[in-house]
Each structure stands twice: as structure tokens, then as C-alpha cells.
């Protein structure tokens, strides 16, 4: 009589390891909100250009599913440029992304969401801002790189001082 060979699951340990192994992936990058205003045009184009730019940025992260593996990270940028004491243009963008962050310790997960993910999103926002400013008829604006690692570390220090040594959710402003 022939023996029946039943396949045995020799990869059960590998499957268990895969379920607990840290996993990070980018699912989607998108513009959530976008605004461009040139309140003093066309008069601004008739005067000598003396651009003075102010940039504000903030980040926010939130879980978007019940399993808490998928997160939306939002990078908000507000760029205001004045020329001769009047607002030449204002750009507001909320560049966002959906990220899978699975099986990381909480401090590493917060670091990914508060520093690494905004670093991924920033080049997309920078390109959009540069395009809008140029299409608005203004001199090219190239936003300088941002050190999100440093901003996140500063945010953690501030949160620890406020909470007596306990870190909070990864939201930050600069």
C-alpha cells in the first residue's frame, strides 16, 4: 500500500515571526488641502520685488483603522511672502500620507510618525509650493530642507517638561 504524504506546515515559525516582525510601508501620498492667494496682484508686479518669506510648519499623525496599523500623517506648511510691507502671496498646503506601521515599540512608532514620515512628505509639499509660486508669477521659491529629527527631538523635550517626563502623541510645530 502506498503511503500518503500529507504536507506539513514547516513554516509555522516563519509565519509567526512574520506576524510580529516590524513592518513599515508607504500606502499613499496625497494633497489634502491646498490654497494659493496673491491679494495684492497685479499691483505687486509693478513694484520692485523685495521678498521676505515666513514659513510655518506642523505635523499631525492619527490612526485610521481599528487595528491601529494604518496611520495618516499630515504635514502642514504655510508660506507667506511680503514685498514692500504687503502680502505678495500666501500658500497653504496640507500634504498627507497613509503609512502602515506594524509591530514597532511605541517610542519607535512615534518616531516614525513624528520624524520619518514628515521627512517623506516634505519633498512633495516643497515641489507643490515651488510650482504654485512660479505659476503665480513670482520669483522661484525653493524651500530649504527641514531637519524633522531635530524638530521631533525638541518636541519630545517640550512634552517631557510639560508632562513631567512622559512623551505625548507626535504632533509638532516649528
Protein backbone atom coordinates (compact mmCIF):
# COMPACT_ATOMS: atom_id res chain seq x y z
CA UNK A 1 0.00 0.00 0.00
CA UNK A 2 1.30 3.43 -0.88
CA UNK A 3 1.94 5.88 1.89
CA UNK A 4 0.09 9.13 1.79
CA UNK A 5 2.26 12.16 2.15
CA UNK A 6 0.42 14.96 3.83
CA UNK A 7 2.18 18.25 3.61
CA UNK A 8 3.17 19.54 7.00
CA UNK A 9 3.42 23.14 7.73
CA UNK A 10 7.10 23.52 8.41
CA UNK A 11 6.88 27.27 8.07
CA UNK A 12 4.64 27.93 11.09
CA UNK A 13 7.50 29.55 12.98
CA UNK A 14 8.30 31.70 9.96
CA UNK A 15 4.66 32.81 9.75
CA UNK A 16 4.65 33.68 13.46
CA UNK A 17 7.86 35.65 13.02
CA UNK A 18 6.35 37.48 10.04
CA UNK A 19 3.30 38.44 12.15
CA UNK A 20 5.48 40.02 14.84
CA UNK A 21 8.27 41.44 12.67
CA UNK A 22 8.26 45.25 12.40
CA UNK A 23 6.71 46.40 9.14
CA UNK A 24 6.68 49.89 7.61
CA UNK A 25 5.29 50.88 4.24
CA UNK A 26 4.00 53.91 2.38
CA UNK A 27 0.50 53.30 1.06
CA UNK A 28 -0.46 56.67 -0.41
CA UNK A 29 0.80 60.25 -0.65
CA UNK A 30 -1.76 62.95 -1.43
CA UNK A 31 -2.65 66.63 -1.13
CA UNK A 32 -5.37 67.01 1.47
CA UNK A 33 -5.79 70.78 1.22
CA UNK A 34 -4.20 73.47 -0.95
CA UNK A 35 -4.58 77.23 -1.23
CA UNK A 36 -2.75 79.98 -3.10
CA UNK A 37 -3.56 83.66 -2.68
CA UNK A 38 -1.98 86.76 -4.22
CA UNK A 39 -4.03 89.50 -2.54
CA UNK A 40 -2.01 92.45 -3.87
CA UNK A 41 -1.86 91.41 -7.50
CA UNK A 42 -1.43 92.77 -10.08
CA UNK A 43 -0.01 95.84 -8.26
CA UNK A 44 2.70 93.72 -6.60
CA UNK A 45 4.19 93.05 -10.04
CA UNK A 46 4.50 96.80 -10.75
CA UNK A 47 6.80 97.47 -7.76
CA UNK A 48 10.39 96.50 -7.06
CA UNK A 49 10.48 92.97 -5.62
CA UNK A 50 11.71 92.76 -2.02
CA UNK A 51 10.51 89.32 -0.96
CA UNK A 52 10.55 88.42 2.73
CA UNK A 53 9.30 84.88 3.35
CA UNK A 54 7.94 83.38 6.56
CA UNK A 55 7.34 79.62 6.82
CA UNK A 56 5.29 77.79 9.41
CA UNK A 57 5.05 74.05 9.53
CA UNK A 58 3.32 71.48 11.67
CA UNK A 59 2.70 67.77 11.62
CA UNK A 60 -0.03 65.54 12.90
CA UNK A 61 -0.47 61.78 12.97
CA UNK A 62 -3.58 59.76 13.66
CA UNK A 63 -4.58 56.11 13.37
CA UNK A 64 -7.11 55.44 10.60
CA UNK A 65 -8.14 51.88 11.30
CA UNK A 66 -9.26 49.80 14.27
CA UNK A 67 -6.12 47.67 14.27
CA UNK A 68 -4.01 50.84 14.61
CA UNK A 69 -1.62 49.68 11.89
CA UNK A 70 -2.56 52.36 9.34
CA UNK A 71 -1.84 56.00 10.11
CA UNK A 72 -2.47 59.25 8.34
CA UNK A 73 0.40 61.68 8.72
CA UNK A 74 -0.26 65.26 7.72
CA UNK A 75 2.39 67.89 7.06
CA UNK A 76 1.03 71.42 7.07
CA UNK A 77 3.00 74.26 5.50
CA UNK A 78 2.06 77.93 5.43
CA UNK A 79 4.31 80.14 3.33
CA UNK A 80 3.73 83.89 3.49
CA UNK A 81 5.84 86.25 1.42
CA UNK A 82 5.69 90.02 1.77
CA UNK A 83 7.16 92.60 -0.57
CA UNK A 84 7.34 96.26 0.38
CA UNK A 85 5.27 95.64 3.51
CA UNK A 86 2.34 93.97 1.73
CA UNK A 87 1.47 90.30 1.40
CA UNK A 88 2.59 89.25 -2.07
CA UNK A 89 1.39 85.66 -1.76
CA UNK A 90 0.25 83.07 0.71
CA UNK A 91 0.48 79.33 0.12
CA UNK A 92 -1.11 76.80 2.45
CA UNK A 93 -0.74 73.09 1.87
CA UNK A 94 -1.60 70.00 3.83
CA UNK A 95 0.44 67.20 2.30
CA UNK A 96 -0.61 63.86 3.73
CA UNK A 97 0.19 60.21 3.50
CA UNK A 98 -1.10 56.86 4.64
CA UNK A 99 1.55 54.70 6.26
CA UNK A 100 1.46 51.17 7.64
CA UNK A 101 3.38 50.96 10.90
CA UNK A 102 3.10 47.50 12.40
CA UNK A 103 4.82 45.78 15.34
CA UNK A 104 7.07 48.64 16.43
CA UNK A 105 7.53 49.57 20.08
CA UNK A 106 5.57 52.74 20.88
CA UNK A 107 8.63 55.02 21.03
CA UNK A 108 9.87 53.81 17.62
CA UNK A 109 6.38 54.08 16.13
CA UNK A 110 6.05 57.65 17.40
CA UNK A 111 9.49 58.48 15.99
CA UNK A 112 8.49 57.10 12.58
CA UNK A 113 5.23 59.09 12.62
CA UNK A 114 6.75 62.27 14.04
CA UNK A 115 10.02 62.49 12.11
CA UNK A 116 10.45 59.93 9.35
CA UNK A 117 7.01 60.23 7.71
CA UNK A 118 7.07 64.07 7.59
CA UNK A 119 10.52 63.76 6.02
CA UNK A 120 8.97 61.55 3.32
CA UNK A 121 6.14 64.05 2.72
CA UNK A 122 8.22 67.24 2.67
CA UNK A 123 9.66 66.91 -0.88
CA UNK A 124 6.13 66.54 -2.28
CA UNK A 125 4.98 69.69 -0.46
CA UNK A 126 8.13 71.59 -1.43
CA UNK A 127 7.59 70.80 -5.11
CA UNK A 128 3.93 71.87 -4.98
CA UNK A 129 4.79 75.16 -3.26
CA UNK A 130 7.55 75.90 -5.78
CA UNK A 131 5.20 75.22 -8.71
CA UNK A 132 2.38 77.36 -7.30
CA UNK A 133 4.63 80.32 -6.56
CA UNK A 134 6.16 80.20 -10.04
CA UNK A 135 2.76 79.80 -11.72
CA UNK A 136 1.51 82.72 -9.64
CA UNK A 137 4.05 84.91 -11.46
CA UNK A 138 6.52 85.28 -8.60
CA UNK A 139 10.25 84.56 -8.40
CA UNK A 140 11.13 80.92 -7.78
CA UNK A 141 10.91 79.82 -4.15
CA UNK A 142 12.95 76.82 -3.09
CA UNK A 143 12.19 75.76 0.45
CA UNK A 144 15.27 74.64 2.33
CA UNK A 145 15.39 71.11 3.75
CA UNK A 146 13.92 70.65 7.22
CA UNK A 147 15.54 68.55 9.93
CA UNK A 148 12.48 66.70 11.21
CA UNK A 149 14.68 64.59 13.51
CA UNK A 150 15.73 67.72 15.38
CA UNK A 151 12.19 69.10 15.46
CA UNK A 152 10.88 65.80 16.81
CA UNK A 153 13.59 65.66 19.49
CA UNK A 154 12.74 69.23 20.53
CA UNK A 155 9.04 68.34 20.61
CA UNK A 156 9.76 65.37 22.89
CA UNK A 157 11.78 67.57 25.23
CA UNK A 158 8.94 70.10 25.44
CA UNK A 159 6.39 67.35 26.08
CA UNK A 160 8.58 65.81 28.79
CA UNK A 161 8.93 69.18 30.51
CA UNK A 162 5.16 69.75 30.37
CA UNK A 163 4.17 66.24 31.48
CA UNK A 164 6.95 65.68 33.97
CA UNK A 165 8.90 63.21 31.84
CA UNK A 166 6.19 61.46 29.81
CA UNK A 167 6.11 61.75 25.97
CA UNK A 168 2.87 62.50 24.13
CA UNK A 169 1.46 61.94 20.63
CA UNK A 170 3.72 63.01 17.75
CA UNK A 171 2.38 66.44 16.82
CA UNK A 172 4.80 69.27 16.41
CA UNK A 173 5.11 72.84 15.23
CA UNK A 174 8.05 74.86 14.11
